[in-house]
């Protein structure tokens, strides 16, 4: 999860601020709870993800499920 932040810093910096913050919050959730935490539908209800912008912020990038899938690919590759 830490590697995600720096290995994909350029990609994240090109995203809208709230969307990038939400993806970083999701990565932090992954660091705390592992794959199961990231796969849980409640992940979008965690305080950090909601405060960062949550689903609304992810919708600015497209379908939230697709965005989450792409983000997970980047996390697992990091």
N, C-alpha and C. Protein backbone atom coordinates (compact mmCIF):
# COMPACT_ATOMS: atom_id res chain seq x y z
N UNK A 1 0.83 -1.19 0.00
CA UNK A 1 0.00 0.00 0.00
C UNK A 1 0.88 1.26 0.00
N UNK A 2 1.98 1.23 0.74
CA UNK A 2 2.88 2.39 0.74
C UNK A 2 3.50 2.60 -0.64
N UNK A 3 3.89 1.50 -1.27
CA UNK A 3 4.51 1.59 -2.59
C UNK A 3 3.54 2.18 -3.61
N UNK A 4 2.26 1.90 -3.45
CA UNK A 4 1.25 2.44 -4.36
C UNK A 4 1.34 3.95 -4.43
N UNK A 5 1.46 4.59 -3.29
CA UNK A 5 1.51 6.05 -3.22
C UNK A 5 2.67 6.65 -3.98
N UNK A 6 3.84 6.06 -3.85
CA UNK A 6 4.99 6.67 -4.53
C UNK A 6 5.21 6.12 -5.94
N UNK A 7 4.89 4.89 -6.18
CA UNK A 7 5.07 4.35 -7.54
C UNK A 7 4.05 4.89 -8.52
N UNK A 8 2.92 5.32 -8.01
CA UNK A 8 1.87 5.85 -8.88
C UNK A 8 1.59 7.32 -8.58
N UNK A 9 2.58 8.01 -8.05
CA UNK A 9 2.42 9.42 -7.67
C UNK A 9 2.06 10.28 -8.87
N UNK A 10 2.66 10.03 -10.02
CA UNK A 10 2.37 10.84 -11.21
C UNK A 10 0.92 10.63 -11.63
N UNK A 11 0.49 9.37 -11.68
CA UNK A 11 -0.90 9.06 -12.05
C UNK A 11 -1.86 9.74 -11.07
N UNK A 12 -1.60 9.59 -9.77
CA UNK A 12 -2.47 10.18 -8.77
C UNK A 12 -2.50 11.71 -8.86
N UNK A 13 -1.36 12.32 -9.18
CA UNK A 13 -1.29 13.78 -9.25
C UNK A 13 -2.09 14.33 -10.42
N UNK A 14 -2.38 13.50 -11.41
CA UNK A 14 -3.15 13.93 -12.58
C UNK A 14 -4.66 13.79 -12.39
N UNK A 15 -5.05 13.18 -11.30
CA UNK A 15 -6.47 12.98 -11.02
C UNK A 15 -7.03 14.17 -10.25
N UNK A 16 -8.36 14.35 -10.30
CA UNK A 16 -8.95 15.39 -9.45
C UNK A 16 -8.56 15.14 -7.99
N UNK A 17 -8.38 16.20 -7.25
CA UNK A 17 -7.87 16.12 -5.88
C UNK A 17 -8.66 15.16 -5.01
N UNK A 18 -9.98 15.26 -5.00
CA UNK A 18 -10.79 14.39 -4.15
C UNK A 18 -10.72 12.93 -4.60
N UNK A 19 -10.65 12.70 -5.90
CA UNK A 19 -10.55 11.33 -6.40
C UNK A 19 -9.22 10.71 -5.96
N UNK A 20 -8.14 11.45 -6.09
CA UNK A 20 -6.83 10.95 -5.66
C UNK A 20 -6.83 10.69 -4.16
N UNK A 21 -7.42 11.59 -3.39
CA UNK A 21 -7.48 11.40 -1.93
C UNK A 21 -8.28 10.15 -1.58
N UNK A 22 -9.36 9.91 -2.31
CA UNK A 22 -10.18 8.72 -2.06
C UNK A 22 -9.39 7.46 -2.37
N UNK A 23 -8.66 7.45 -3.48
CA UNK A 23 -7.86 6.27 -3.83
C UNK A 23 -6.75 6.04 -2.82
N UNK A 24 -6.16 7.10 -2.32
CA UNK A 24 -5.14 6.95 -1.27
C UNK A 24 -5.77 6.42 0.02
N UNK A 25 -6.97 6.87 0.33
CA UNK A 25 -7.67 6.36 1.52
C UNK A 25 -8.00 4.88 1.35
N UNK A 26 -8.36 4.48 0.14
CA UNK A 26 -8.61 3.06 -0.13
C UNK A 26 -7.32 2.25 0.04
N UNK A 27 -6.21 2.80 -0.41
CA UNK A 27 -4.93 2.11 -0.23
C UNK A 27 -4.59 1.97 1.25
N UNK A 28 -4.88 3.00 2.02
CA UNK A 28 -4.65 2.93 3.47
C UNK A 28 -5.54 1.87 4.11
N UNK A 29 -6.78 1.77 3.64
CA UNK A 29 -7.68 0.74 4.13
C UNK A 29 -7.14 -0.64 3.80
N UNK A 30 -6.57 -0.80 2.62
CA UNK A 30 -5.95 -2.05 2.21
C UNK A 30 -4.78 -2.38 3.15
N UNK A 31 -4.00 -1.37 3.51
CA UNK A 31 -2.86 -1.59 4.42
C UNK A 31 -3.34 -2.07 5.79
N UNK A 32 -4.48 -1.55 6.24
CA UNK A 32 -5.02 -1.93 7.55
C UNK A 32 -5.72 -3.28 7.53
N UNK A 33 -6.50 -3.55 6.50
CA UNK A 33 -7.39 -4.71 6.52
C UNK A 33 -7.11 -5.73 5.43
N UNK A 34 -6.12 -5.48 4.59
CA UNK A 34 -5.79 -6.43 3.54
C UNK A 34 -6.84 -6.48 2.44
N UNK A 35 -6.74 -7.50 1.62
CA UNK A 35 -7.64 -7.65 0.48
C UNK A 35 -9.09 -7.73 0.92
N UNK A 36 -9.36 -8.42 2.01
CA UNK A 36 -10.74 -8.53 2.49
C UNK A 36 -11.33 -7.17 2.81
N UNK A 37 -10.56 -6.30 3.41
CA UNK A 37 -11.05 -4.97 3.71
C UNK A 37 -11.34 -4.15 2.48
N UNK A 38 -10.55 -4.34 1.46
CA UNK A 38 -10.73 -3.62 0.21
C UNK A 38 -11.91 -4.18 -0.59
N UNK A 39 -12.17 -5.45 -0.44
CA UNK A 39 -13.26 -6.10 -1.17
C UNK A 39 -14.62 -5.89 -0.51
N UNK A 40 -14.64 -5.43 0.71
CA UNK A 40 -15.88 -5.25 1.44
C UNK A 40 -16.68 -4.06 0.88
N UNK A 41 -17.98 -4.23 0.67
CA UNK A 41 -18.80 -3.10 0.21
C UNK A 41 -18.80 -1.95 1.21
N UNK A 42 -18.52 -2.24 2.47
CA UNK A 42 -18.50 -1.21 3.49
C UNK A 42 -17.25 -0.32 3.41
N UNK A 43 -16.30 -0.66 2.55
CA UNK A 43 -15.07 0.12 2.45
C UNK A 43 -15.38 1.58 2.13
N UNK A 44 -16.46 1.83 1.39
CA UNK A 44 -16.81 3.20 1.03
C UNK A 44 -17.48 3.95 2.18
N UNK A 45 -17.79 3.23 3.25
CA UNK A 45 -18.40 3.85 4.42
C UNK A 45 -17.38 4.15 5.52
N UNK A 46 -16.13 3.75 5.32
CA UNK A 46 -15.12 4.04 6.34
C UNK A 46 -14.90 5.55 6.41
N UNK A 47 -14.64 6.07 7.60
CA UNK A 47 -14.50 7.52 7.76
C UNK A 47 -13.46 8.15 6.83
N UNK A 48 -12.31 7.52 6.67
CA UNK A 48 -11.26 8.10 5.83
C UNK A 48 -11.69 8.20 4.37
N UNK A 49 -12.33 7.15 3.87
CA UNK A 49 -12.76 7.14 2.47
C UNK A 49 -13.89 8.16 2.27
N UNK A 50 -14.83 8.19 3.19
CA UNK A 50 -15.94 9.15 3.07
C UNK A 50 -15.43 10.58 3.14
N UNK A 51 -14.51 10.85 4.07
CA UNK A 51 -13.98 12.20 4.24
C UNK A 51 -13.20 12.65 3.00
N UNK A 52 -12.54 11.71 2.34
CA UNK A 52 -11.74 12.04 1.16
C UNK A 52 -12.62 12.38 -0.05
N UNK A 53 -13.84 11.88 -0.05
CA UNK A 53 -14.72 12.15 -1.18
C UNK A 53 -15.58 10.96 -1.55
N UNK A 54 -15.11 9.77 -1.21
CA UNK A 54 -15.88 8.54 -1.39
C UNK A 54 -16.33 8.27 -2.81
N UNK A 55 -17.50 7.67 -2.90
CA UNK A 55 -18.04 7.26 -4.20
C UNK A 55 -18.25 8.44 -5.14
N UNK A 56 -18.68 9.56 -4.61
CA UNK A 56 -18.89 10.72 -5.47
C UNK A 56 -17.60 11.13 -6.16
N UNK A 57 -16.50 11.10 -5.43
CA UNK A 57 -15.20 11.45 -6.02
C UNK A 57 -14.78 10.42 -7.06
N UNK A 58 -15.06 9.16 -6.78
CA UNK A 58 -14.69 8.12 -7.75
C UNK A 58 -15.52 8.22 -9.02
N UNK A 59 -16.76 8.65 -8.89
CA UNK A 59 -17.61 8.80 -10.08
C UNK A 59 -17.06 9.84 -11.05
N UNK A 60 -16.25 10.76 -10.57
CA UNK A 60 -15.65 11.75 -11.47
C UNK A 60 -14.67 11.09 -12.43
N UNK A 61 -14.23 9.87 -12.09
CA UNK A 61 -13.29 9.13 -12.93
C UNK A 61 -13.97 8.09 -13.80
N UNK A 62 -15.27 7.86 -13.57
CA UNK A 62 -16.00 6.84 -14.31
C UNK A 62 -16.77 5.94 -13.36
N UNK A 63 -17.03 4.75 -13.80
CA UNK A 63 -17.75 3.77 -12.99
C UNK A 63 -16.88 3.41 -11.79
N UNK A 64 -17.38 3.62 -10.56
CA UNK A 64 -16.56 3.33 -9.37
C UNK A 64 -16.01 1.90 -9.33
N UNK A 65 -16.78 0.93 -9.79
CA UNK A 65 -16.29 -0.46 -9.79
C UNK A 65 -15.09 -0.60 -10.71
N UNK A 66 -15.14 0.04 -11.88
CA UNK A 66 -14.01 -0.01 -12.81
C UNK A 66 -12.79 0.72 -12.26
N UNK A 67 -13.04 1.86 -11.62
CA UNK A 67 -11.95 2.64 -11.03
C UNK A 67 -11.29 1.84 -9.91
N UNK A 68 -12.11 1.20 -9.08
CA UNK A 68 -11.57 0.39 -7.99
C UNK A 68 -10.75 -0.77 -8.55
N UNK A 69 -11.25 -1.40 -9.61
CA UNK A 69 -10.52 -2.51 -10.23
C UNK A 69 -9.15 -2.04 -10.74
N UNK A 70 -9.14 -0.92 -11.43
CA UNK A 70 -7.88 -0.38 -11.94
C UNK A 70 -6.93 -0.01 -10.79
N UNK A 71 -7.47 0.54 -9.74
CA UNK A 71 -6.66 0.92 -8.59
C UNK A 71 -6.07 -0.33 -7.92
N UNK A 72 -6.89 -1.37 -7.77
CA UNK A 72 -6.38 -2.61 -7.18
C UNK A 72 -5.26 -3.20 -8.04
N UNK A 73 -5.40 -3.16 -9.34
CA UNK A 73 -4.33 -3.65 -10.21
C UNK A 73 -3.05 -2.88 -9.95
N UNK A 74 -3.16 -1.58 -9.82
CA UNK A 74 -1.97 -0.76 -9.56
C UNK A 74 -1.39 -1.05 -8.17
N UNK A 75 -2.25 -1.26 -7.17
CA UNK A 75 -1.78 -1.58 -5.82
C UNK A 75 -1.04 -2.91 -5.81
N UNK A 76 -1.62 -3.91 -6.43
CA UNK A 76 -1.00 -5.24 -6.40
C UNK A 76 0.27 -5.31 -7.23
N UNK A 77 0.40 -4.41 -8.21
CA UNK A 77 1.60 -4.37 -9.02
C UNK A 77 2.72 -3.60 -8.33
N UNK A 78 2.37 -2.74 -7.36
CA UNK A 78 3.35 -1.86 -6.71
C UNK A 78 4.32 -2.63 -5.84
